[in-house]
Amino acid sequence: MAEGIAVDTHVLRLSSRLGLAQSEVASKVEEQLMVLVPRDRWIRTTDLLIFHGRKTCGARQPACGHCPIFTLCRFEGRHVLAHRVG
């Protein structure tokens, strides 16, 4: 059983962009995510956020046009037109 949610740079970035957590401090983000996500999904949630951060939602160049969860995004810099065209 997981003891917590691992918060790396990808999880930190995606948690903020998706409006899941409001902090730049990893331990605070972990606490907020642990309240939102059922314990049996903590490991999977970490894996999904990391994978999404690596493959789709990069720090410098998010691929908004290919994002399957674009409508959930709260990131001010998201590319609306790229999603419609892509």
PDB file of N, CA and C in Angstrom:
ATOM      1  N   MET A   1       0.846  -1.175   0.000  1.00  0.00           N
ATOM      2  CA  MET A   1       0.000   0.000   0.000  1.00  0.00           C
ATOM      3  C   MET A   1       0.896   1.244   0.000  1.00  0.00           C
ATOM      4  N   ALA A   2       0.539   2.216  -0.771  1.00  0.00           N
ATOM      5  CA  ALA A   2       1.317   3.444  -0.888  1.00  0.00           C
ATOM      6  C   ALA A   2       1.253   4.262   0.399  1.00  0.00           C
ATOM      7  N   GLU A   3       2.361   4.899   0.700  1.00  0.00           N
ATOM      8  CA  GLU A   3       2.441   5.760   1.879  1.00  0.00           C
ATOM      9  C   GLU A   3       2.132   7.209   1.544  1.00  0.00           C
ATOM     10  N   GLY A   4       2.123   7.539   0.260  1.00  0.00           N
ATOM     11  CA  GLY A   4       1.868   8.905  -0.169  1.00  0.00           C
ATOM     12  C   GLY A   4       1.883   8.992  -1.684  1.00  0.00           C
ATOM     13  N   ILE A   5       1.816  10.196  -2.193  1.00  0.00           N
ATOM     14  CA  ILE A   5       1.866  10.443  -3.624  1.00  0.00           C
ATOM     15  C   ILE A   5       3.206  11.111  -3.915  1.00  0.00           C
ATOM     16  N   ALA A   6       3.976  10.503  -4.787  1.00  0.00           N
ATOM     17  CA  ALA A   6       5.272  11.065  -5.151  1.00  0.00           C
ATOM     18  C   ALA A   6       5.051  12.325  -5.984  1.00  0.00           C
ATOM     19  N   VAL A   7       5.662  13.415  -5.567  1.00  0.00           N
ATOM     20  CA  VAL A   7       5.495  14.684  -6.270  1.00  0.00           C
ATOM     21  C   VAL A   7       6.847  15.112  -6.830  1.00  0.00           C
ATOM     22  N   ASP A   8       7.026  14.872  -8.133  1.00  0.00           N
ATOM     23  CA  ASP A   8       8.220  15.353  -8.818  1.00  0.00           C
ATOM     24  C   ASP A   8       7.846  16.606  -9.612  1.00  0.00           C
ATOM     25  N   THR A   9       8.718  17.063 -10.483  1.00  0.00           N
ATOM     26  CA  THR A   9       8.429  18.288 -11.230  1.00  0.00           C
ATOM     27  C   THR A   9       7.207  18.146 -12.120  1.00  0.00           C
ATOM     28  N   HIS A  10       7.003  16.967 -12.708  1.00  0.00           N
ATOM     29  CA  HIS A  10       5.842  16.746 -13.570  1.00  0.00           C
ATOM     30  C   HIS A  10       4.543  16.816 -12.761  1.00  0.00           C
ATOM     31  N   VAL A  11       4.509  16.114 -11.655  1.00  0.00           N
ATOM     32  CA  VAL A  11       3.316  16.091 -10.801  1.00  0.00           C
ATOM     33  C   VAL A  11       3.035  17.492 -10.260  1.00  0.00           C
ATOM     34  N   LEU A  12       4.069  18.196  -9.868  1.00  0.00           N
ATOM     35  CA  LEU A  12       3.917  19.560  -9.366  1.00  0.00           C
ATOM     36  C   LEU A  12       3.297  20.457 -10.447  1.00  0.00           C
ATOM     37  N   ARG A  13       3.835  20.395 -11.658  1.00  0.00           N
ATOM     38  CA  ARG A  13       3.340  21.215 -12.765  1.00  0.00           C
ATOM     39  C   ARG A  13       1.910  20.849 -13.156  1.00  0.00           C
ATOM     40  N   LEU A  14       1.641  19.577 -13.331  1.00  0.00           N
ATOM     41  CA  LEU A  14       0.317  19.142 -13.764  1.00  0.00           C
ATOM     42  C   LEU A  14      -0.748  19.386 -12.702  1.00  0.00           C
ATOM     43  N   SER A  15      -0.408  19.207 -11.452  1.00  0.00           N
ATOM     44  CA  SER A  15      -1.362  19.461 -10.371  1.00  0.00           C
ATOM     45  C   SER A  15      -1.829  20.902 -10.385  1.00  0.00           C
ATOM     46  N   SER A  16      -0.910  21.786 -10.652  1.00  0.00           N
ATOM     47  CA  SER A  16      -1.251  23.207 -10.724  1.00  0.00           C
ATOM     48  C   SER A  16      -2.070  23.507 -11.974  1.00  0.00           C
ATOM     49  N   ARG A  17      -1.607  23.027 -13.130  1.00  0.00           N
ATOM     50  CA  ARG A  17      -2.294  23.304 -14.393  1.00  0.00           C
ATOM     51  C   ARG A  17      -3.714  22.752 -14.412  1.00  0.00           C
ATOM     52  N   LEU A  18      -3.931  21.646 -13.747  1.00  0.00           N
ATOM     53  CA  LEU A  18      -5.256  21.029 -13.713  1.00  0.00           C
ATOM     54  C   LEU A  18      -6.106  21.543 -12.555  1.00  0.00           C
ATOM     55  N   GLY A  19      -5.530  22.389 -11.728  1.00  0.00           N
ATOM     56  CA  GLY A  19      -6.274  22.943 -10.604  1.00  0.00           C
ATOM     57  C   GLY A  19      -6.484  21.959  -9.471  1.00  0.00           C
ATOM     58  N   LEU A  20      -5.640  20.950  -9.376  1.00  0.00           N
ATOM     59  CA  LEU A  20      -5.770  19.939  -8.332  1.00  0.00           C
ATOM     60  C   LEU A  20      -5.102  20.360  -7.028  1.00  0.00           C
ATOM     61  N   ALA A  21      -4.091  21.208  -7.127  1.00  0.00           N
ATOM     62  CA  ALA A  21      -3.358  21.660  -5.954  1.00  0.00           C
ATOM     63  C   ALA A  21      -2.899  23.095  -6.170  1.00  0.00           C
ATOM     64  N   GLN A  22      -2.791  23.842  -5.089  1.00  0.00           N
ATOM     65  CA  GLN A  22      -2.403  25.238  -5.166  1.00  0.00           C
ATOM     66  C   GLN A  22      -1.190  25.500  -4.289  1.00  0.00           C
ATOM     67  N   SER A  23      -0.047  25.024  -4.728  1.00  0.00           N
ATOM     68  CA  SER A  23       1.193  25.273  -4.008  1.00  0.00           C
ATOM     69  C   SER A  23       2.367  24.954  -4.922  1.00  0.00           C
ATOM     70  N   GLU A  24       3.504  25.539  -4.617  1.00  0.00           N
ATOM     71  CA  GLU A  24       4.740  25.212  -5.327  1.00  0.00           C
ATOM     72  C   GLU A  24       5.641  24.350  -4.454  1.00  0.00           C
ATOM     73  N   VAL A  25       5.137  23.968  -3.302  1.00  0.00           N
ATOM     74  CA  VAL A  25       5.877  23.142  -2.347  1.00  0.00           C
ATOM     75  C   VAL A  25       5.386  21.702  -2.481  1.00  0.00           C
ATOM     76  N   ALA A  26       6.310  20.791  -2.792  1.00  0.00           N
ATOM     77  CA  ALA A  26       5.946  19.396  -3.055  1.00  0.00           C
ATOM     78  C   ALA A  26       5.149  18.760  -1.915  1.00  0.00           C
ATOM     79  N   SER A  27       5.543  18.987  -0.681  1.00  0.00           N
ATOM     80  CA  SER A  27       4.840  18.354   0.441  1.00  0.00           C
ATOM     81  C   SER A  27       3.402  18.863   0.570  1.00  0.00           C
ATOM     82  N   LYS A  28       3.186  20.121   0.256  1.00  0.00           N
ATOM     83  CA  LYS A  28       1.823  20.684   0.309  1.00  0.00           C
ATOM     84  C   LYS A  28       0.973  20.110  -0.822  1.00  0.00           C
ATOM     85  N   VAL A  29       1.566  19.976  -2.008  1.00  0.00           N
ATOM     86  CA  VAL A  29       0.850  19.394  -3.151  1.00  0.00           C
ATOM     87  C   VAL A  29       0.492  17.948  -2.837  1.00  0.00           C
ATOM     88  N   GLU A  30       1.421  17.218  -2.245  1.00  0.00           N
ATOM     89  CA  GLU A  30       1.145  15.831  -1.865  1.00  0.00           C
ATOM     90  C   GLU A  30      -0.048  15.762  -0.924  1.00  0.00           C
ATOM     91  N   GLU A  31      -0.073  16.605   0.083  1.00  0.00           N
ATOM     92  CA  GLU A  31      -1.182  16.617   1.044  1.00  0.00           C
ATOM     93  C   GLU A  31      -2.513  16.895   0.342  1.00  0.00           C
ATOM     94  N   GLN A  32      -2.523  17.866  -0.553  1.00  0.00           N
ATOM     95  CA  GLN A  32      -3.749  18.219  -1.261  1.00  0.00           C
ATOM     96  C   GLN A  32      -4.214  17.085  -2.171  1.00  0.00           C
ATOM     97  N   LEU A  33      -3.281  16.438  -2.865  1.00  0.00           N
ATOM     98  CA  LEU A  33      -3.646  15.326  -3.743  1.00  0.00           C
ATOM     99  C   LEU A  33      -4.141  14.124  -2.950  1.00  0.00           C
ATOM    100  N   MET A  34      -3.543  13.884  -1.798  1.00  0.00           N
ATOM    101  CA  MET A  34      -3.946  12.744  -0.980  1.00  0.00           C
ATOM    102  C   MET A  34      -5.378  12.887  -0.478  1.00  0.00           C
ATOM    103  N   VAL A  35      -5.857  14.105  -0.343  1.00  0.00           N
ATOM    104  CA  VAL A  35      -7.243  14.343   0.059  1.00  0.00           C
ATOM    105  C   VAL A  35      -8.182  14.061  -1.124  1.00  0.00           C
ATOM    106  N   LEU A  36      -7.744  14.403  -2.327  1.00  0.00           N
ATOM    107  CA  LEU A  36      -8.581  14.251  -3.529  1.00  0.00           C
ATOM    108  C   LEU A  36      -8.641  12.828  -4.083  1.00  0.00           C
ATOM    109  N   VAL A  37      -7.535  12.118  -3.979  1.00  0.00           N
ATOM    110  CA  VAL A  37      -7.401  10.817  -4.636  1.00  0.00           C
ATOM    111  C   VAL A  37      -7.511   9.689  -3.611  1.00  0.00           C
ATOM    112  N   PRO A  38      -8.345   8.684  -3.883  1.00  0.00           N
ATOM    113  CA  PRO A  38      -8.429   7.540  -2.970  1.00  0.00           C
ATOM    114  C   PRO A  38      -7.067   6.843  -2.835  1.00  0.00           C
ATOM    115  N   ARG A  39      -6.758   6.382  -1.657  1.00  0.00           N
ATOM    116  CA  ARG A  39      -5.436   5.795  -1.374  1.00  0.00           C
ATOM    117  C   ARG A  39      -5.057   4.673  -2.344  1.00  0.00           C
ATOM    118  N   ASP A  40      -6.003   3.861  -2.744  1.00  0.00           N
ATOM    119  CA  ASP A  40      -5.673   2.749  -3.644  1.00  0.00           C
ATOM    120  C   ASP A  40      -5.305   3.227  -5.059  1.00  0.00           C
ATOM    121  N   ARG A  41      -5.414   4.527  -5.323  1.00  0.00           N
ATOM    122  CA  ARG A  41      -5.063   5.086  -6.630  1.00  0.00           C
ATOM    123  C   ARG A  41      -3.856   6.032  -6.572  1.00  0.00           C
ATOM    124  N   TRP A  42      -3.213   6.138  -5.440  1.00  0.00           N
ATOM    125  CA  TRP A  42      -2.091   7.060  -5.300  1.00  0.00           C
ATOM    126  C   TRP A  42      -0.948   6.741  -6.254  1.00  0.00           C
ATOM    127  N   ILE A  43      -0.542   5.491  -6.328  1.00  0.00           N
ATOM    128  CA  ILE A  43       0.575   5.115  -7.199  1.00  0.00           C
ATOM    129  C   ILE A  43       0.208   5.344  -8.656  1.00  0.00           C
ATOM    130  N   ARG A  44      -0.950   4.919  -9.045  1.00  0.00           N
ATOM    131  CA  ARG A  44      -1.393   5.084 -10.438  1.00  0.00           C
ATOM    132  C   ARG A  44      -1.521   6.567 -10.801  1.00  0.00           C
ATOM    133  N   THR A  45      -2.018   7.363  -9.891  1.00  0.00           N
ATOM    134  CA  THR A  45      -2.146   8.794 -10.138  1.00  0.00           C
ATOM    135  C   THR A  45      -0.774   9.425 -10.374  1.00  0.00           C
ATOM    136  N   THR A  46       0.198   9.074  -9.548  1.00  0.00           N
ATOM    137  CA  THR A  46       1.562   9.561  -9.735  1.00  0.00           C
ATOM    138  C   THR A  46       2.066   9.176 -11.117  1.00  0.00           C
ATOM    139  N   ASP A  47       1.907   7.902 -11.476  1.00  0.00           N
ATOM    140  CA  ASP A  47       2.377   7.415 -12.777  1.00  0.00           C
ATOM    141  C   ASP A  47       1.707   8.150 -13.931  1.00  0.00           C
ATOM    142  N   LEU A  48       0.409   8.345 -13.846  1.00  0.00           N
ATOM    143  CA  LEU A  48      -0.324   9.018 -14.927  1.00  0.00           C
ATOM    144  C   LEU A  48       0.092  10.478 -15.076  1.00  0.00           C
ATOM    145  N   LEU A  49       0.248  11.177 -13.977  1.00  0.00           N
ATOM    146  CA  LEU A  49       0.659  12.579 -14.056  1.00  0.00           C
ATOM    147  C   LEU A  49       2.078  12.713 -14.609  1.00  0.00           C
ATOM    148  N   ILE A  50       2.975  11.846 -14.181  1.00  0.00           N
ATOM    149  CA  ILE A  50       4.341  11.879 -14.698  1.00  0.00           C
ATOM    150  C   ILE A  50       4.349  11.577 -16.192  1.00  0.00           C
ATOM    151  N   PHE A  51       3.656  10.541 -16.607  1.00  0.00           N
ATOM    152  CA  PHE A  51       3.612  10.172 -18.023  1.00  0.00           C
ATOM    153  C   PHE A  51       3.016  11.311 -18.855  1.00  0.00           C
ATOM    154  N   HIS A  52       1.926  11.892 -18.387  1.00  0.00           N
ATOM    155  CA  HIS A  52       1.280  12.980 -19.119  1.00  0.00           C
ATOM    156  C   HIS A  52       2.212  14.198 -19.198  1.00  0.00           C
ATOM    157  N   GLY A  53       2.929  14.466 -18.128  1.00  0.00           N
ATOM    158  CA  GLY A  53       3.876  15.576 -18.118  1.00  0.00           C
ATOM    159  C   GLY A  53       5.041  15.364 -19.055  1.00  0.00           C
ATOM    160  N   ARG A  54       5.460  14.126 -19.227  1.00  0.00           N
ATOM    161  CA  ARG A  54       6.578  13.815 -20.136  1.00  0.00           C
ATOM    162  C   ARG A  54       6.142  13.798 -21.590  1.00  0.00           C
ATOM    163  N   LYS A  55       4.996  13.212 -21.867  1.00  0.00           N
ATOM    164  CA  LYS A  55       4.577  12.972 -23.247  1.00  0.00           C
ATOM    165  C   LYS A  55       3.710  14.062 -23.857  1.00  0.00           C
ATOM    166  N   THR A  56       2.925  14.761 -23.058  1.00  0.00           N
ATOM    167  CA  THR A  56       1.966  15.723 -23.612  1.00  0.00           C
ATOM    168  C   THR A  56       2.140  17.122 -23.053  1.00  0.00           C
ATOM    169  N   CYS A  57       2.194  17.247 -21.755  1.00  0.00           N
ATOM    170  CA  CYS A  57       2.155  18.560 -21.125  1.00  0.00           C
ATOM    171  C   CYS A  57       3.529  18.984 -20.613  1.00  0.00           C
ATOM    172  N   GLY A  58       4.420  19.234 -21.547  1.00  0.00           N
ATOM    173  CA  GLY A  58       5.767  19.641 -21.184  1.00  0.00           C
ATOM    174  C   GLY A  58       5.801  21.029 -20.567  1.00  0.00           C
ATOM    175  N   ALA A  59       6.853  21.313 -19.839  1.00  0.00           N
ATOM    176  CA  ALA A  59       6.979  22.598 -19.164  1.00  0.00           C
ATOM    177  C   ALA A  59       7.059  23.750 -20.147  1.00  0.00           C
ATOM    178  N   ARG A  60       7.875  23.598 -21.176  1.00  0.00           N
ATOM    179  CA  ARG A  60       8.082  24.697 -22.116  1.00  0.00           C
ATOM    180  C   ARG A  60       7.162  24.649 -23.319  1.00  0.00           C
ATOM    181  N   GLN A  61       6.811  23.452 -23.746  1.00  0.00           N
ATOM    182  CA  GLN A  61       5.973  23.320 -24.932  1.00  0.00           C
ATOM    183  C   GLN A  61       4.877  22.279 -24.718  1.00  0.00           C
ATOM    184  N   PRO A  62       3.808  22.662 -24.026  1.00  0.00           N
ATOM    185  CA  PRO A  62       2.716  21.704 -23.856  1.00  0.00           C
ATOM    186  C   PRO A  62       2.042  21.449 -25.204  1.00  0.00           C
ATOM    187  N   ALA A  63       1.724  20.186 -25.468  1.00  0.00           N
ATOM    188  CA  ALA A  63       1.076  19.800 -26.716  1.00  0.00           C
ATOM    189  C   ALA A  63      -0.441  19.841 -26.543  1.00  0.00           C
ATOM    190  N   CYS A  64      -0.953  21.043 -26.344  1.00  0.00           N
ATOM    191  CA  CYS A  64      -2.375  21.213 -26.070  1.00  0.00           C
ATOM    192  C   CYS A  64      -3.258  20.639 -27.175  1.00  0.00           C
ATOM    193  N   GLY A  65      -2.789  20.684 -28.401  1.00  0.00           N
ATOM    194  CA  GLY A  65      -3.564  20.168 -29.525  1.00  0.00           C
ATOM    195  C   GLY A  65      -3.741  18.666 -29.509  1.00  0.00           C
ATOM    196  N   HIS A  66      -2.968  17.981 -28.685  1.00  0.00           N
ATOM    197  CA  HIS A  66      -3.043  16.518 -28.613  1.00  0.00           C
ATOM    198  C   HIS A  66      -3.425  16.033 -27.220  1.00  0.00           C
ATOM    199  N   CYS A  67      -3.866  16.938 -26.388  1.00  0.00           N
ATOM    200  CA  CYS A  67      -4.133  16.609 -24.992  1.00  0.00           C
ATOM    201  C   CYS A  67      -5.534  16.017 -24.810  1.00  0.00           C
ATOM    202  N   PRO A  68      -5.623  14.798 -24.268  1.00  0.00           N
ATOM    203  CA  PRO A  68      -6.928  14.174 -24.061  1.00  0.00           C
ATOM    204  C   PRO A  68      -7.717  14.783 -22.896  1.00  0.00           C
ATOM    205  N   ILE A  69      -7.062  15.570 -22.064  1.00  0.00           N
ATOM    206  CA  ILE A  69      -7.764  16.188 -20.935  1.00  0.00           C
ATOM    207  C   ILE A  69      -7.726  17.717 -21.034  1.00  0.00           C
ATOM    208  N   PHE A  70      -7.635  18.234 -22.235  1.00  0.00           N
ATOM    209  CA  PHE A  70      -7.539  19.671 -22.483  1.00  0.00           C
ATOM    210  C   PHE A  70      -8.666  20.449 -21.816  1.00  0.00           C
ATOM    211  N   THR A  71      -9.863  19.938 -21.846  1.00  0.00           N
ATOM    212  CA  THR A  71     -11.014  20.666 -21.292  1.00  0.00           C
ATOM    213  C   THR A  71     -10.942  20.809 -19.768  1.00  0.00           C
ATOM    214  N   LEU A  72     -10.120  20.009 -19.117  1.00  0.00           N
ATOM    215  CA  LEU A  72      -9.955  20.090 -17.668  1.00  0.00           C
ATOM    216  C   LEU A  72      -8.857  21.065 -17.258  1.00  0.00           C
ATOM    217  N   CYS A  73      -8.082  21.526 -18.224  1.00  0.00           N
ATOM    218  CA  CYS A  73      -6.894  22.336 -17.964  1.00  0.00           C
ATOM    219  C   CYS A  73      -7.254  23.737 -17.494  1.00  0.00           C
ATOM    220  N   ARG A  74      -6.513  24.205 -16.490  1.00  0.00           N
ATOM    221  CA  ARG A  74      -6.694  25.555 -15.955  1.00  0.00           C
ATOM    222  C   ARG A  74      -5.476  26.433 -16.252  1.00  0.00           C
ATOM    223  N   PHE A  75      -4.549  25.926 -17.056  1.00  0.00           N
ATOM    224  CA  PHE A  75      -3.308  26.625 -17.375  1.00  0.00           C
ATOM    225  C   PHE A  75      -3.585  27.835 -18.257  1.00  0.00           C
ATOM    226  N   GLU A  76      -3.182  29.006 -17.797  1.00  0.00           N
ATOM    227  CA  GLU A  76      -3.456  30.239 -18.535  1.00  0.00           C
ATOM    228  C   GLU A  76      -2.771  30.262 -19.896  1.00  0.00           C
ATOM    229  N   GLY A  77      -1.658  29.546 -20.033  1.00  0.00           N
ATOM    230  CA  GLY A  77      -0.914  29.551 -21.285  1.00  0.00           C
ATOM    231  C   GLY A  77      -1.325  28.467 -22.265  1.00  0.00           C
ATOM    232  N   ARG A  78      -2.428  27.797 -22.003  1.00  0.00           N
ATOM    233  CA  ARG A  78      -2.842  26.709 -22.903  1.00  0.00           C
ATOM    234  C   ARG A  78      -3.225  27.271 -24.271  1.00  0.00           C
ATOM    235  N   HIS A  79      -3.107  26.458 -25.245  1.00  0.00           N
ATOM    236  CA  HIS A  79      -3.294  26.880 -26.624  1.00  0.00           C
ATOM    237  C   HIS A  79      -4.649  26.413 -27.135  1.00  0.00           C
ATOM    238  N   VAL A  80      -5.652  27.262 -27.029  1.00  0.00           N
ATOM    239  CA  VAL A  80      -7.020  26.914 -27.419  1.00  0.00           C
ATOM    240  C   VAL A  80      -7.103  26.589 -28.903  1.00  0.00           C
ATOM    241  N   LEU A  81      -6.533  27.423 -29.740  1.00  0.00           N
ATOM    242  CA  LEU A  81      -6.613  27.201 -31.185  1.00  0.00           C
ATOM    243  C   LEU A  81      -5.897  25.931 -31.592  1.00  0.00           C
ATOM    244  N   ALA A  82      -4.781  25.627 -30.944  1.00  0.00           N
ATOM    245  CA  ALA A  82      -4.045  24.406 -31.274  1.00  0.00           C
ATOM    246  C   ALA A  82      -4.910  23.178 -31.030  1.00  0.00           C
ATOM    247  N   HIS A  83      -5.731  23.222 -29.992  1.00  0.00           N
ATOM    248  CA  HIS A  83      -6.586  22.075 -29.686  1.00  0.00           C
ATOM    249  C   HIS A  83      -7.679  21.921 -30.755  1.00  0.00           C
ATOM    250  N   ARG A  84      -8.255  23.001 -31.165  1.00  0.00           N
ATOM    251  CA  ARG A  84      -9.325  22.930 -32.165  1.00  0.00           C
ATOM    252  C   ARG A  84      -8.807  22.474 -33.515  1.00  0.00           C
ATOM    253  N   VAL A  85      -7.628  22.912 -33.878  1.00  0.00           N
ATOM    254  CA  VAL A  85      -7.060  22.558 -35.170  1.00  0.00           C
ATOM    255  C   VAL A  85      -6.504  21.143 -35.139  1.00  0.00           C
ATOM    256  N   GLY A  86      -5.806  20.809 -34.011  1.00  0.00           N
ATOM    257  CA  GLY A  86      -5.107  19.529 -33.874  1.00  0.00           C
ATOM    258  C   GLY A  86      -6.023  18.393 -33.897  1.00  0.00           C
TER     259      GLY A  86
END
